[in-house]
Amino acid sequence: MPNIYTASPKPFTRVGNSGFQFDPNAMEVAILDRSGRPVWKKSKGQLPSPIRWDGNDFSGQTVQTGDYICKIVYANEKVAYLPFVFMKKN
């Protein structure tokens, strides 16, 4: 069972109109719908750069405006769950 973890004060930041950039210490990030199903997920692997999300789901479609859960996995299986509101651009 992963440890519940308090994320850094700024676990993600908006990157202009291109999406979101997550905490550089995050090893994996998943965006979950309100039922807890993943709509997008990415692992850092060996890359030193932070994980970025452009607002698209697994199929490349922009997710709907709404409430989501951001699951951030850190080293040593520490996990942070954060409320996340996505606003679709018209």
C-alpha atoms as a PDB file:
ATOM      1  CA  MET A   1       0.000   0.000   0.000  1.00  0.00           C
ATOM      2  CA  PRO A   2       1.521   3.363  -1.010  1.00  0.00           C
ATOM      3  CA  ASN A   3       2.074   6.038   1.616  1.00  0.00           C
ATOM      4  CA  ILE A   4      -0.197   9.074   1.394  1.00  0.00           C
ATOM      5  CA  TYR A   5       2.070  12.064   0.979  1.00  0.00           C
ATOM      6  CA  THR A   6       1.652  15.808   1.243  1.00  0.00           C
ATOM      7  CA  ALA A   7       2.764  17.253  -2.062  1.00  0.00           C
ATOM      8  CA  SER A   8       5.056  20.222  -2.342  1.00  0.00           C
ATOM      9  CA  PRO A   9       3.382  23.647  -1.970  1.00  0.00           C
ATOM     10  CA  LYS A  10       3.202  23.938  -5.785  1.00  0.00           C
ATOM     11  CA  PRO A  11       2.696  20.395  -7.098  1.00  0.00           C
ATOM     12  CA  PHE A  12       1.807  21.727 -10.557  1.00  0.00           C
ATOM     13  CA  THR A  13       1.933  24.982 -12.482  1.00  0.00           C
ATOM     14  CA  ARG A  14       0.178  26.211 -15.601  1.00  0.00           C
ATOM     15  CA  VAL A  15       2.430  26.495 -18.651  1.00  0.00           C
ATOM     16  CA  GLY A  16       0.883  29.238 -20.778  1.00  0.00           C
ATOM     17  CA  ASN A  17      -1.896  27.748 -22.900  1.00  0.00           C
ATOM     18  CA  SER A  18      -0.019  24.496 -23.456  1.00  0.00           C
ATOM     19  CA  GLY A  19      -0.971  22.669 -20.267  1.00  0.00           C
ATOM     20  CA  PHE A  20       0.478  21.899 -16.859  1.00  0.00           C
ATOM     21  CA  GLN A  21       3.920  21.070 -15.539  1.00  0.00           C
ATOM     22  CA  PHE A  22       4.170  18.917 -12.419  1.00  0.00           C
ATOM     23  CA  ASP A  23       6.596  18.854  -9.505  1.00  0.00           C
ATOM     24  CA  PRO A  24      10.042  17.887 -10.885  1.00  0.00           C
ATOM     25  CA  ASN A  25      10.294  15.272  -8.106  1.00  0.00           C
ATOM     26  CA  ALA A  26       7.189  13.426  -9.355  1.00  0.00           C
ATOM     27  CA  MET A  27       7.954   9.998 -10.801  1.00  0.00           C
ATOM     28  CA  GLU A  28       4.435   9.442 -12.194  1.00  0.00           C
ATOM     29  CA  VAL A  29       1.328  11.569 -12.645  1.00  0.00           C
ATOM     30  CA  ALA A  30      -2.208  10.386 -13.386  1.00  0.00           C
ATOM     31  CA  ILE A  31      -5.353  12.433 -13.972  1.00  0.00           C
ATOM     32  CA  LEU A  32      -8.393  10.530 -12.700  1.00  0.00           C
ATOM     33  CA  ASP A  33     -12.067  11.202 -13.344  1.00  0.00           C
ATOM     34  CA  ARG A  34     -14.520  11.552 -10.436  1.00  0.00           C
ATOM     35  CA  SER A  35     -14.975   7.758 -10.364  1.00  0.00           C
ATOM     36  CA  GLY A  36     -11.230   7.247  -9.971  1.00  0.00           C
ATOM     37  CA  ARG A  37     -10.652   5.961 -13.510  1.00  0.00           C
ATOM     38  CA  PRO A  38      -7.472   7.237 -15.164  1.00  0.00           C
ATOM     39  CA  VAL A  39      -8.014   9.491 -18.180  1.00  0.00           C
ATOM     40  CA  TRP A  40      -4.277  10.218 -18.603  1.00  0.00           C
ATOM     41  CA  LYS A  41      -1.056   8.942 -17.069  1.00  0.00           C
ATOM     42  CA  LYS A  42       2.664   9.437 -17.605  1.00  0.00           C
ATOM     43  CA  SER A  43       5.802   8.161 -15.917  1.00  0.00           C
ATOM     44  CA  LYS A  44       9.017  10.136 -15.754  1.00  0.00           C
ATOM     45  CA  GLY A  45      11.391   7.238 -16.410  1.00  0.00           C
ATOM     46  CA  GLN A  46      14.997   8.357 -16.620  1.00  0.00           C
ATOM     47  CA  LEU A  47      14.288  11.838 -17.993  1.00  0.00           C
ATOM     48  CA  PRO A  48      15.368  14.754 -15.765  1.00  0.00           C
ATOM     49  CA  SER A  49      12.619  17.072 -17.001  1.00  0.00           C
ATOM     50  CA  PRO A  50       9.260  17.456 -15.222  1.00  0.00           C
ATOM     51  CA  ILE A  51       6.156  15.633 -16.434  1.00  0.00           C
ATOM     52  CA  ARG A  52       3.796  17.779 -18.536  1.00  0.00           C
ATOM     53  CA  TRP A  53       0.133  17.294 -19.410  1.00  0.00           C
ATOM     54  CA  ASP A  54      -1.546  19.076 -22.324  1.00  0.00           C
ATOM     55  CA  GLY A  55      -5.152  18.461 -21.189  1.00  0.00           C
ATOM     56  CA  ASN A  56      -5.748  15.478 -23.495  1.00  0.00           C
ATOM     57  CA  ASP A  57      -6.881  11.992 -22.546  1.00  0.00           C
ATOM     58  CA  PHE A  58      -5.360   8.658 -23.626  1.00  0.00           C
ATOM     59  CA  SER A  59      -6.947   8.965 -27.082  1.00  0.00           C
ATOM     60  CA  GLY A  60      -5.632  12.492 -27.670  1.00  0.00           C
ATOM     61  CA  GLN A  61      -8.973  14.246 -27.118  1.00  0.00           C
ATOM     62  CA  THR A  62      -9.228  17.260 -24.792  1.00  0.00           C
ATOM     63  CA  VAL A  63     -10.901  16.216 -21.543  1.00  0.00           C
ATOM     64  CA  GLN A  64     -14.194  17.819 -20.616  1.00  0.00           C
ATOM     65  CA  THR A  65     -14.380  20.766 -18.235  1.00  0.00           C
ATOM     66  CA  GLY A  66     -14.871  19.378 -14.756  1.00  0.00           C
ATOM     67  CA  ASP A  67     -13.469  18.092 -11.501  1.00  0.00           C
ATOM     68  CA  TYR A  68     -10.641  15.593 -11.602  1.00  0.00           C
ATOM     69  CA  ILE A  69      -8.178  14.062  -9.180  1.00  0.00           C
ATOM     70  CA  CYS A  70      -4.467  14.460  -9.738  1.00  0.00           C
ATOM     71  CA  LYS A  71      -2.480  11.485  -8.438  1.00  0.00           C
ATOM     72  CA  ILE A  72       1.238  12.234  -8.075  1.00  0.00           C
ATOM     73  CA  VAL A  73       3.619   9.393  -7.248  1.00  0.00           C
ATOM     74  CA  TYR A  74       6.971  10.270  -5.713  1.00  0.00           C
ATOM     75  CA  ALA A  75      10.031   8.160  -4.896  1.00  0.00           C
ATOM     76  CA  ASN A  76       9.632   5.489  -2.194  1.00  0.00           C
ATOM     77  CA  GLU A  77       5.989   4.963  -3.287  1.00  0.00           C
ATOM     78  CA  LYS A  78       4.793   8.193  -1.657  1.00  0.00           C
ATOM     79  CA  VAL A  79       1.518   9.286  -3.271  1.00  0.00           C
ATOM     80  CA  ALA A  80      -0.336  12.613  -3.204  1.00  0.00           C
ATOM     81  CA  TYR A  81      -3.976  12.965  -4.280  1.00  0.00           C
ATOM     82  CA  LEU A  82      -5.039  16.513  -5.124  1.00  0.00           C
ATOM     83  CA  PRO A  83      -8.312  18.005  -6.352  1.00  0.00           C
ATOM     84  CA  PHE A  84      -7.886  19.305  -9.865  1.00  0.00           C
ATOM     85  CA  VAL A  85     -10.348  21.429 -11.866  1.00  0.00           C
ATOM     86  CA  PHE A  86      -9.830  21.453 -15.615  1.00  0.00           C
ATOM     87  CA  MET A  87     -11.318  24.269 -17.655  1.00  0.00           C
ATOM     88  CA  LYS A  88     -11.620  23.424 -21.329  1.00  0.00           C
ATOM     89  CA  LYS A  89     -10.677  26.279 -23.602  1.00  0.00           C
ATOM     90  CA  ASN A  90     -13.393  27.200 -26.130  1.00  0.00           C
END
